[in-house]
Each structure stands twice: as structure tokens, then as C-alpha cells.
N, C-alpha and C. Protein backbone atom coordinates (compact mmCIF):
# COMPACT_ATOMS: atom_id res chain seq x y z
N UNK A 1 0.64 -1.00 0.02
CA UNK A 1 0.01 0.57 0.08
C UNK A 1 1.02 1.80 0.03
N UNK A 2 0.82 1.97 -1.41
CA UNK A 2 1.21 3.39 -0.91
C UNK A 2 0.86 4.56 -0.32
N UNK A 3 1.83 5.51 0.49
CA UNK A 3 1.41 5.77 2.17
C UNK A 3 1.36 7.25 1.91
N UNK A 4 0.21 7.91 1.25
CA UNK A 4 0.90 9.57 0.54
C UNK A 4 0.38 10.50 2.29
N UNK A 5 1.20 11.21 1.55
CA UNK A 5 0.84 12.64 2.82
C UNK A 5 -0.12 13.09 2.45
N UNK A 6 0.02 14.29 3.93
CA UNK A 6 -1.16 14.65 3.94
C UNK A 6 -0.67 15.64 3.52
N UNK A 7 -1.62 16.84 2.90
CA UNK A 7 -0.99 18.29 2.15
C UNK A 7 -1.54 19.87 3.36
N UNK A 8 -1.49 18.81 4.83
CA UNK A 8 -1.20 20.59 5.61
C UNK A 8 -0.80 21.55 4.96
N UNK A 9 -1.59 22.56 4.92
CA UNK A 9 -0.66 24.05 5.03
C UNK A 9 0.07 24.25 3.37
N UNK A 10 -0.53 22.95 2.04
CA UNK A 10 0.27 23.52 1.42
C UNK A 10 -0.98 23.98 0.40
N UNK A 11 -0.82 24.86 -0.57
CA UNK A 11 -1.33 26.06 -1.01
C UNK A 11 -1.22 25.63 -2.96
N UNK A 12 0.23 25.20 -3.03
CA UNK A 12 1.17 25.33 -4.05
C UNK A 12 0.02 23.52 -5.07
N UNK A 13 -0.31 24.11 -6.68
CA UNK A 13 -0.63 22.91 -6.59
C UNK A 13 0.54 21.89 -7.55
N UNK A 14 1.85 22.60 -8.20
CA UNK A 14 2.72 22.07 -8.38
C UNK A 14 4.03 21.33 -7.71
N UNK A 15 4.07 22.02 -6.38
CA UNK A 15 4.33 20.82 -5.92
C UNK A 15 3.95 20.18 -4.69
N UNK A 16 2.31 19.94 -4.84
CA UNK A 16 2.12 18.60 -3.94
C UNK A 16 1.71 17.99 -5.07
N UNK A 17 1.39 18.24 -5.99
CA UNK A 17 1.72 16.66 -7.30
C UNK A 17 3.02 16.27 -7.16
N UNK A 18 4.09 17.21 -7.71
CA UNK A 18 5.27 16.82 -7.18
C UNK A 18 6.28 16.08 -6.66
N UNK A 19 5.58 16.42 -4.95
CA UNK A 19 6.58 15.67 -4.07
C UNK A 19 5.29 14.93 -3.86
N UNK A 20 4.35 14.50 -4.37
CA UNK A 20 3.29 13.44 -4.43
C UNK A 20 2.24 13.55 -2.72
N UNK A 21 1.82 14.26 -2.71
CA UNK A 21 1.14 14.19 -1.38
C UNK A 21 -0.49 13.70 -1.97
N UNK A 22 -1.53 13.50 -0.67
CA UNK A 22 -2.34 13.40 -1.24
C UNK A 22 -3.37 14.07 -2.07
N UNK A 23 -4.69 14.30 -2.88
CA UNK A 23 -4.83 14.61 -3.80
C UNK A 23 -5.97 14.96 -3.64
N UNK A 24 -7.27 15.23 -3.61
CA UNK A 24 -8.15 15.02 -4.08
C UNK A 24 -8.74 16.19 -5.97
N UNK A 25 -8.85 15.43 -6.77
CA UNK A 25 -9.09 15.33 -7.71
C UNK A 25 -10.18 16.36 -8.71
N UNK A 26 -9.73 17.70 -8.78
CA UNK A 26 -10.60 18.45 -9.23
C UNK A 26 -10.51 19.44 -10.46
N UNK A 27 -9.67 18.73 -11.52
CA UNK A 27 -9.78 18.91 -12.57
C UNK A 27 -10.94 19.15 -13.51
N UNK A 28 -12.06 17.96 -13.31
CA UNK A 28 -12.91 18.74 -14.04
C UNK A 28 -13.44 20.14 -13.36
N UNK A 29 -14.19 20.85 -12.60
CA UNK A 29 -13.52 22.70 -13.18
C UNK A 29 -13.84 22.72 -13.32
N UNK A 30 -12.78 22.17 -14.39
CA UNK A 30 -11.73 23.36 -15.68
C UNK A 30 -12.51 22.30 -16.27
N UNK A 31 -13.17 21.93 -16.57
CA UNK A 31 -13.95 21.33 -18.00
C UNK A 31 -14.89 22.63 -17.65
N UNK A 32 -15.76 22.34 -16.32
CA UNK A 32 -16.83 23.08 -15.61
C UNK A 32 -16.80 24.09 -15.91
N UNK A 33 -15.81 24.87 -16.30
CA UNK A 33 -15.48 26.72 -16.40
C UNK A 33 -15.84 26.89 -17.47
N UNK A 34 -15.19 26.19 -18.76
CA UNK A 34 -14.87 26.24 -20.40
C UNK A 34 -16.07 25.96 -20.98
N UNK A 35 -16.96 25.21 -20.15
CA UNK A 35 -18.40 24.80 -21.09
C UNK A 35 -19.28 25.81 -20.30
N UNK A 36 -19.31 26.16 -19.56
CA UNK A 36 -20.39 27.40 -18.28
C UNK A 36 -19.51 28.91 -19.30
N UNK A 37 -19.10 28.79 -19.37
CA UNK A 37 -18.01 29.70 -19.63
C UNK A 37 -18.47 31.36 -19.67
N UNK A 38 -18.22 32.19 -18.21
CA UNK A 38 -19.30 33.29 -18.20
C UNK A 38 -17.41 34.39 -18.05
N UNK A 39 -18.33 35.57 -18.24
CA UNK A 39 -16.90 36.40 -19.07
C UNK A 39 -16.25 36.99 -17.20
N UNK A 40 -16.79 36.73 -15.82
CA UNK A 40 -16.59 36.48 -15.10
C UNK A 40 -16.84 35.66 -13.92
N UNK A 41 -15.69 35.18 -13.11
CA UNK A 41 -16.63 33.54 -12.48
C UNK A 41 -16.11 34.01 -10.66
N UNK A 42 -16.54 33.78 -10.06
CA UNK A 42 -15.87 34.08 -8.06
C UNK A 42 -16.33 33.09 -7.80
N UNK A 43 -15.89 32.18 -7.12
CA UNK A 43 -15.98 31.39 -6.16
C UNK A 43 -15.53 31.86 -4.70
N UNK A 44 -16.52 31.30 -4.30
CA UNK A 44 -16.75 31.54 -2.49
C UNK A 44 -17.53 30.39 -2.27
N UNK A 45 -16.66 30.25 -1.18
CA UNK A 45 -16.23 27.99 -0.27
C UNK A 45 -16.22 29.27 0.76
N UNK A 46 -16.31 28.47 2.17
CA UNK A 46 -15.73 28.58 3.17
C UNK A 46 -15.22 28.29 3.46
N UNK A 47 -14.49 29.41 4.68
CA UNK A 47 -12.75 28.85 5.42
C UNK A 47 -12.53 27.79 5.01
N UNK A 48 -10.62 27.49 4.89
CA UNK A 48 -10.02 25.85 4.74
C UNK A 48 -10.59 25.32 3.37
N UNK A 49 -10.95 26.00 2.28
CA UNK A 49 -11.86 24.69 1.75
C UNK A 49 -11.02 24.82 0.37
N UNK A 50 -10.07 25.03 -0.09
CA UNK A 50 -8.61 24.95 -1.02
C UNK A 50 -9.37 25.73 -2.40
N UNK A 51 -9.48 26.91 -1.52
CA UNK A 51 -10.69 28.62 -2.44
C UNK A 51 -8.69 28.09 -3.66
N UNK A 52 -7.46 28.29 -2.74
CA UNK A 52 -6.57 28.82 -2.55
C UNK A 52 -5.77 27.86 -4.02
N UNK A 53 -5.78 26.33 -3.97
CA UNK A 53 -5.15 25.56 -3.67
C UNK A 53 -5.75 24.96 -5.70
N UNK A 54 -7.31 24.86 -5.66
CA UNK A 54 -8.37 25.71 -6.63
C UNK A 54 -7.91 26.14 -7.44
N UNK A 55 -7.07 27.79 -7.39
CA UNK A 55 -6.71 28.78 -8.01
C UNK A 55 -5.53 28.41 -9.12
N UNK A 56 -4.50 28.09 -7.93
CA UNK A 56 -3.33 27.29 -8.24
C UNK A 56 -3.52 26.60 -9.29
N UNK A 57 -4.24 25.45 -9.11
CA UNK A 57 -4.31 23.96 -10.33
C UNK A 57 -5.56 24.82 -11.61
N UNK A 58 -5.75 26.39 -11.37
CA UNK A 58 -6.38 27.03 -13.15
C UNK A 58 -5.01 27.98 -12.98
N UNK A 59 -4.36 27.93 -12.82
CA UNK A 59 -3.31 28.86 -13.02
C UNK A 59 -2.94 27.73 -13.36
N UNK A 60 -2.05 26.71 -12.93
CA UNK A 60 -1.32 25.81 -13.95
C UNK A 60 -1.44 25.20 -15.08
N UNK A 61 -3.09 25.05 -14.06
CA UNK A 61 -3.74 24.99 -16.01
C UNK A 61 -3.44 25.53 -17.56
N UNK A 62 -3.80 26.58 -16.97
CA UNK A 62 -3.33 28.00 -18.16
C UNK A 62 -2.70 29.05 -18.82
N UNK A 63 -1.52 28.60 -16.91
CA UNK A 63 -0.34 29.84 -18.05
C UNK A 63 0.35 29.35 -17.78
N UNK A 64 1.36 30.05 -19.67
CA UNK A 64 1.48 29.63 -20.95
C UNK A 64 3.07 28.79 -20.08
N UNK A 65 3.62 28.41 -20.72
CA UNK A 65 4.71 27.87 -19.97
C UNK A 65 4.68 27.24 -18.87
N UNK A 66 3.87 26.65 -18.40
CA UNK A 66 4.34 25.46 -17.04
C UNK A 66 4.36 24.16 -17.48
N UNK A 67 4.50 23.32 -16.80
CA UNK A 67 4.60 22.76 -16.46
C UNK A 67 2.90 21.08 -17.24
N UNK A 68 2.61 21.03 -19.04
CA UNK A 68 1.31 19.88 -18.41
C UNK A 68 1.70 18.94 -18.06
N UNK A 69 2.43 18.31 -17.20
CA UNK A 69 2.94 16.44 -17.48
C UNK A 69 1.57 16.25 -15.85
N UNK A 70 1.95 17.93 -14.98
CA UNK A 70 1.05 17.87 -13.60
C UNK A 70 0.26 17.29 -13.85
N UNK A 71 -1.21 17.22 -14.73
CA UNK A 71 -2.16 16.89 -14.97
C UNK A 71 -1.96 15.99 -15.98
N UNK A 72 -1.07 14.47 -15.72
CA UNK A 72 -1.26 13.82 -16.24
C UNK A 72 -1.75 12.79 -15.57
N UNK A 73 -1.52 12.64 -15.21
CA UNK A 73 -2.75 11.33 -13.62
C UNK A 73 -4.11 11.71 -13.58
N UNK A 74 -4.28 12.64 -13.73
CA UNK A 74 -5.02 13.38 -12.97
C UNK A 74 -6.36 12.91 -14.09
N UNK A 75 -7.59 13.22 -13.83
CA UNK A 75 -9.01 13.25 -14.60
C UNK A 75 -7.82 13.79 -16.07
N UNK A 76 -8.50 13.27 -16.78
CA UNK A 76 -8.83 13.78 -18.76
C UNK A 76 -9.80 14.75 -18.78
N UNK A 77 -9.37 15.39 -18.79
CA UNK A 77 -9.86 16.37 -19.53
C UNK A 77 -10.28 16.40 -21.13
N UNK A 78 -11.26 16.46 -21.18
CA UNK A 78 -11.45 16.13 -23.00
C UNK A 78 -11.89 17.37 -23.00
N UNK A 79 -11.23 18.72 -23.23
CA UNK A 79 -11.45 19.33 -24.10
C UNK A 79 -9.76 19.87 -25.70
N UNK A 80 -10.08 19.94 -26.03
CA UNK A 80 -8.50 20.38 -27.09
C UNK A 80 -8.51 21.40 -26.95
N UNK A 81 -7.08 21.17 -27.67
CA UNK A 81 -5.47 21.68 -27.17
C UNK A 81 -6.32 23.82 -28.17
N UNK A 82 -6.78 23.76 -28.87
CA UNK A 82 -6.74 25.11 -29.37
C UNK A 82 -8.07 25.32 -28.34
N UNK A 83 -9.00 24.68 -27.70
CA UNK A 83 -9.84 26.03 -27.18
C UNK A 83 -9.28 26.03 -25.89
N UNK A 84 -8.35 25.34 -25.40
CA UNK A 84 -7.45 25.86 -23.96
C UNK A 84 -6.28 26.59 -24.34
N UNK A 85 -6.08 27.19 -26.33
CA UNK A 85 -5.77 27.86 -26.21
C UNK A 85 -5.92 29.75 -26.56
N UNK A 86 -7.60 29.56 -26.25
CA UNK A 86 -8.41 31.13 -27.07
C UNK A 86 -8.40 31.31 -25.66
N UNK A 87 -7.91 30.94 -24.34
CA UNK A 87 -8.24 31.14 -23.04
C UNK A 87 -6.99 31.63 -22.54
N UNK A 88 -5.78 31.07 -23.18
CA UNK A 88 -4.69 31.28 -21.72
C UNK A 88 -4.13 32.97 -21.49
N UNK A 89 -4.58 33.75 -22.51
CA UNK A 89 -3.90 35.06 -22.31
C UNK A 89 -5.22 36.26 -21.60
N UNK A 90 -6.74 35.17 -21.52
CA UNK A 90 -7.57 35.81 -21.05
C UNK A 90 -7.16 35.65 -19.77
N UNK A 91 -7.38 34.63 -19.18
CA UNK A 91 -7.48 34.67 -17.86
C UNK A 91 -6.42 35.18 -17.11
N UNK A 92 -6.77 35.60 -15.84
CA UNK A 92 -6.13 36.56 -15.09
C UNK A 92 -6.36 36.06 -13.00
N UNK A 93 -5.17 36.13 -12.58
CA UNK A 93 -4.68 35.47 -12.00
C UNK A 93 -4.77 36.88 -10.69
N UNK A 94 -5.26 36.34 -10.06
CA UNK A 94 -5.46 37.43 -8.64
C UNK A 94 -5.83 37.14 -7.11
N UNK A 95 -4.76 36.65 -6.05
CA UNK A 95 -5.63 36.37 -4.99
C UNK A 95 -4.95 37.57 -3.64
N UNK A 96 -5.46 36.44 -2.74
CA UNK A 96 -6.25 38.01 -1.64
C UNK A 96 -5.78 37.46 -0.64
N UNK A 97 -4.64 37.70 0.36
CA UNK A 97 -5.51 36.61 2.08
C UNK A 97 -5.32 38.09 2.63
N UNK A 98 -6.73 37.92 3.35
CA UNK A 98 -6.88 38.49 4.41
C UNK A 98 -6.78 38.13 5.50
N UNK A 99 -6.02 38.48 6.61
CA UNK A 99 -5.45 37.56 8.19
C UNK A 99 -5.99 38.72 9.49
């Protein structure tokens, strides 16, 4: 049995995948965003519910020049490369942490 580490306090998608941490695959969110496209998308969730990690995953997927092999072992997204490249320049990643 493969014992994976729990990602306590890790909110960077690439670090989580590369280091072999336990990850609940939420990559279908990408597919849903592209199918139900909106000019602006707002993600509201309770505290400690994975908002930053989800945004980091989206950044890793859409950002030009990132390592796409991060997604190899995850849900196979049924989206053509032409469709994703259309959004790569349009996506803005903004994070705000209030403590």
C-alpha cells in the first residue's frame, strides 16, 4: 500500500503534485468552467475549503509555459488544445489573503 502524505498547509498545486501528496482530483472544474463560460467567475467557499489550491490548479493549467505533465495522472480533460489556448491569454490570476 502506498502511503501518501497529507498536504497540510500546502496551497501550491505544482508542489503538491510533484511532492506526491494526497490530492482529491478537482480538475473537472476546468472542464466545467470552459463549458459554462462566464465573463467573470467568482469562487466563494468557507474558510479552509481549498479555494487557493483550486486557483493554483487553474493557474497551472492556463498559464503559458507551465508543466502540463502535472495533469497526466489526473482526470483526462476532454478539451481540445485549440480551446484552451484561446483562454490562456484571457485568464487573470489574482489572489488576496486577509488575515
